[in-house]
Amino acid sequence: MKDGRHIYTHALQLHAFYTGKIHIELGFHDIYKLKPQFTEENLRKIAKESSPYSKTSRLSAIVTDGTSILGYGNIGPRAGLPVMEGKSLLFKLLGDV
């Protein structure tokens, strides 16, 4: 497009196609390797000392009700979601969270 809006249209198309920017990956791809992770003995050990067994130190939550989106103001939760996804992406790329 000659009016310079092509990049914005393309961004909306990509957002609709991928339905967001963030995903979760499995550490195990074989159900038989995953099953032993959930034994009572393992869960009790994780409850006592989680750092070597889980990645809770690298998790974050970004929550908004859309009333105070930086630079946009009160745009609501649906419109605020892509902004929160962008923040999550920055955390992942810059902080490996």
Protein backbone atom coordinates (compact mmCIF):
# COMPACT_ATOMS: atom_id res chain seq x y z
CA MET A 1 0.00 0.00 0.00
CA LYS A 2 1.24 3.46 -0.79
CA ASP A 3 -0.22 5.15 2.29
CA GLY A 4 2.19 3.33 4.65
CA ARG A 5 -0.54 1.38 6.45
CA HIS A 6 0.45 -1.96 4.94
CA ILE A 7 2.55 -2.94 7.96
CA TYR A 8 -0.41 -2.37 10.31
CA THR A 9 -2.74 -4.44 8.15
CA HIS A 10 -0.14 -7.18 7.93
CA ALA A 11 0.33 -7.15 11.73
CA LEU A 12 -3.41 -7.63 12.27
CA GLN A 13 -3.45 -10.49 9.76
CA LEU A 14 -0.56 -12.21 11.55
CA HIS A 15 -2.23 -11.70 14.93
CA ALA A 16 -5.44 -13.29 13.66
CA PHE A 17 -3.57 -16.17 12.03
CA TYR A 18 -1.38 -17.05 15.02
CA THR A 19 -4.01 -16.05 17.63
CA GLY A 20 -1.34 -14.45 19.80
CA LYS A 21 2.41 -14.42 20.21
CA ILE A 22 3.21 -16.60 23.21
CA HIS A 23 3.26 -20.39 23.42
CA ILE A 24 4.16 -23.11 25.90
CA GLU A 25 6.50 -25.95 24.99
CA LEU A 26 6.49 -29.42 26.51
CA GLY A 27 9.65 -30.70 28.12
CA PHE A 28 8.50 -34.27 27.54
CA HIS A 29 7.11 -35.62 24.28
CA ASP A 30 6.63 -39.18 25.48
CA ILE A 31 3.74 -39.83 27.89
CA TYR A 32 5.61 -42.76 29.47
CA LYS A 33 8.50 -40.46 30.44
CA LEU A 34 6.08 -37.87 31.79
CA LYS A 35 4.06 -40.18 34.03
CA PRO A 36 6.79 -40.80 36.69
CA GLN A 37 7.01 -37.03 37.24
CA PHE A 38 3.67 -37.12 39.07
CA THR A 39 4.33 -39.75 41.73
CA GLU A 40 3.51 -38.80 45.31
CA GLU A 41 7.16 -39.13 46.35
CA ASN A 42 8.35 -36.74 43.63
CA LEU A 43 5.65 -34.19 44.35
CA ARG A 44 6.49 -34.16 48.07
CA LYS A 45 10.16 -33.60 47.27
CA ILE A 46 9.31 -30.74 44.89
CA ALA A 47 7.11 -29.17 47.58
CA LYS A 48 10.10 -29.10 49.96
CA GLU A 49 12.80 -27.90 47.53
CA SER A 50 11.43 -26.80 44.19
CA SER A 51 14.39 -24.97 42.66
CA PRO A 52 16.25 -27.94 41.13
CA TYR A 53 13.05 -29.65 39.98
CA SER A 54 10.84 -26.94 38.56
CA LYS A 55 11.10 -23.65 36.72
CA THR A 56 9.02 -21.55 39.05
CA SER A 57 11.85 -19.05 39.32
CA ARG A 58 11.44 -18.26 35.61
CA LEU A 59 7.68 -17.80 35.51
CA SER A 60 5.84 -14.53 35.38
CA ALA A 61 2.27 -13.38 35.01
CA ILE A 62 1.19 -10.18 33.38
CA VAL A 63 -2.38 -9.31 34.27
CA THR A 64 -4.49 -6.39 33.15
CA ASP A 65 -8.09 -5.33 33.12
CA GLY A 66 -7.29 -2.91 30.31
CA THR A 67 -7.91 0.28 32.27
CA SER A 68 -4.36 1.62 32.22
CA ILE A 69 -2.46 0.40 29.17
CA LEU A 70 0.76 2.38 28.81
CA GLY A 71 0.39 4.88 25.98
CA TYR A 72 -3.24 3.95 25.27
CA GLY A 73 -5.15 4.50 28.50
CA ASN A 74 -8.43 2.69 29.10
CA ILE A 75 -8.79 0.44 26.04
CA GLY A 76 -10.27 -2.62 27.75
CA PRO A 77 -8.96 -6.15 28.33
CA ARG A 78 -9.28 -7.45 24.76
CA ALA A 79 -7.38 -4.58 23.20
CA GLY A 80 -4.87 -4.66 26.07
CA LEU A 81 -4.05 -8.35 25.51
CA PRO A 82 -1.68 -7.80 22.55
CA VAL A 83 0.20 -5.22 24.62
CA MET A 84 0.55 -7.73 27.47
CA GLU A 85 1.70 -10.38 25.00
CA GLY A 86 4.32 -7.95 23.77
CA LYS A 87 5.53 -7.43 27.34
CA SER A 88 5.75 -11.20 27.79
CA LEU A 89 7.73 -11.44 24.59
CA LEU A 90 10.20 -8.83 25.86
CA PHE A 91 10.59 -10.74 29.13
CA LYS A 92 11.32 -13.92 27.17
CA LEU A 93 13.75 -12.34 24.70
CA LEU A 94 15.59 -10.04 27.09
CA GLY A 95 15.36 -11.96 30.36
CA ASP A 96 14.74 -15.59 29.33
CA VAL A 97 11.75 -15.68 31.67
